[in-house]
Amino acid sequence: MIMQDNSVSSSPSLDLTPRQVVRELDKYVVGQADAKRAMAIALRNRLRRQRLPEEMRDEVLPKNLMLIGPTGVGKTEIARRVSKLTDAPFLKVEATKFTEVGYVGRDVESIVRDLVETSINMIHSEQLANVRERAERAAMERLVNYLVEQSPQLKAVAASENGEVARAAGGTATALATERRLLRQRKRVAQMLVDRRLEDQTVEIEVEMEVDGFAFGQLPDFVSEVAAGEDMEGFFSGERPIRKRSRRVSVADARRILTQEEAQKLIDFDSVIDEAVFRTEQSGIVFIDEIDKIISSGYESSGDVSGEGVQRDLLPIVEGSTVMTRYGPVKTDHMLFIAAGSFHAAKPSELIPELQGRFPLRVELESLGVEDLQRILTEPDNALTKQYEALLKTEGVELSFTADGVEEMARLAQEMNEKLEDIGARRLQTILEQVLEEVSFDATELEDPRVTVDREYVRSRMENLVEDEDLSRFIL
């Protein structure tokens, strides 16, 4: 459905109250209450704007945020989770990519173009999911036809009975018998397909070359490869020549290929593009990371693009402008921009004033302590300890973590962050890999599949590493 009238989406996720948004974020991000509240308010304001009268709606601009805090404390994760809550197109971009030596050909407007592509992929995947059941039924019909037509036994019967039809006076009765036989054969083949009894059998199918080979749920490659100046309406209207070719594949592969092909036929690509552009303009989220790295340090190396120049290039997009894409003009006025940086070597006030003014809300995220790291290891729905337990369970290993084992890993992570570079919660990944290296390597050969990670277990595998500071720097 194309919401060209700027109506409020019926998605239940958009009706979340700020308190509910914070509760959802709590499932994945520990602490950082101020940042969660700010994001929840920004999200709710989008819904409020959609409910305004049309004459006032366009006057209400998003309140862009700037998240300030060290690496690994949850800045990107908060923004990414918010975008998933709202089914909003989301793009993360590193501000430093526009200052790289030898940077050519991709100006800052590519941020908007990439966001539109992301939105198209998202809408396309949604529509594929909606038509998949119908596509599977159509693919099953085609597959039954191929199998019946290529059945040697049926071909012999059909040839024999067709000969009888030509000779016999009662040809009509014989034709009806043949038709009934074909129907019975089709039912048998269809049931065998449902029961997955023909998966390894080879069948010859005819496929469209433009669709063959795409992974189900992805936008076809030919969409991304269309030249910017090509007439998209004509391209998607079905006027392009369709080339077909025969392939001999297994029944399992044939089902997948034919389902993809039928799904593409059921999708209106014009509506995909219209809806994607609309959603990009009204609910797109751009996360600009490392924005502190484009603050000029008083001198510029000869090969780098000026940091201040990049700031001025970003300004029109953040302020609100129209960017030409291959799908037509896209306005950035109501996109939500979230900037983030550690700002340990610079201050937000050192950004150019115009850009500062476009990020009126600033939230400082707190550094993580031992208790925070303990909670990160166990509380989130995607906690690292839960991930490792699930991974090793696939090998028959019953992995469990005790409270003192989790506490010891958190303490070591905090100690390493203080001694070395502070990389926040990312330090936990390296420690867990080191602690579980042996059991991960020997998982298929363990005599006792039950492994308990307690304080002593952690210390025995980290002791030498912690004592040798040079080695710690190298590994952690």
Foldseek 3Di string as FASTA:
>chain_A
DFPPVLAQDPDPLLVDQLVRQLVQVVQAAFDPVVVSSVLSVLSNVLNVLSPDPPVCSLVDFGQAAEEAAFAARQPVVSQVSSCVSVVFQEAEDELCQQWDFPDDDDAPLVLLQVSLLSLLLSLLLVLLVVCLVVLLVVLLVQLLVQCCVPPPVLVVVVVVLVVVLVVDPPNVVSVVVNVVVSVVSSVVVSVCVVVVVQQAPKTKDKAWPQQAPDDRSGDGPVVVVDDLPDDVCCVQVPVDDTDMDMDIDGSNSSSRSSSRRSSSVVDRSVSSSSRSLVSCQSEYEYEHEALVVLQDPPDDDPRTDHSLVSLVSCLPLLCWDWDQTSSGIHINRHYHYYYYHHQPPHDLVSHPPSSSVSNVHYRYRDADALVSLLCQQPRHPPHPVVVVCVVLVVLVAREEEDSQLSSLLSVVLRVLVVVDPNNGNVSSVLLVCQLCVVCVVCSNPDPHRYDYRHNVSSCVRCVVVVVPVVNVVVRD
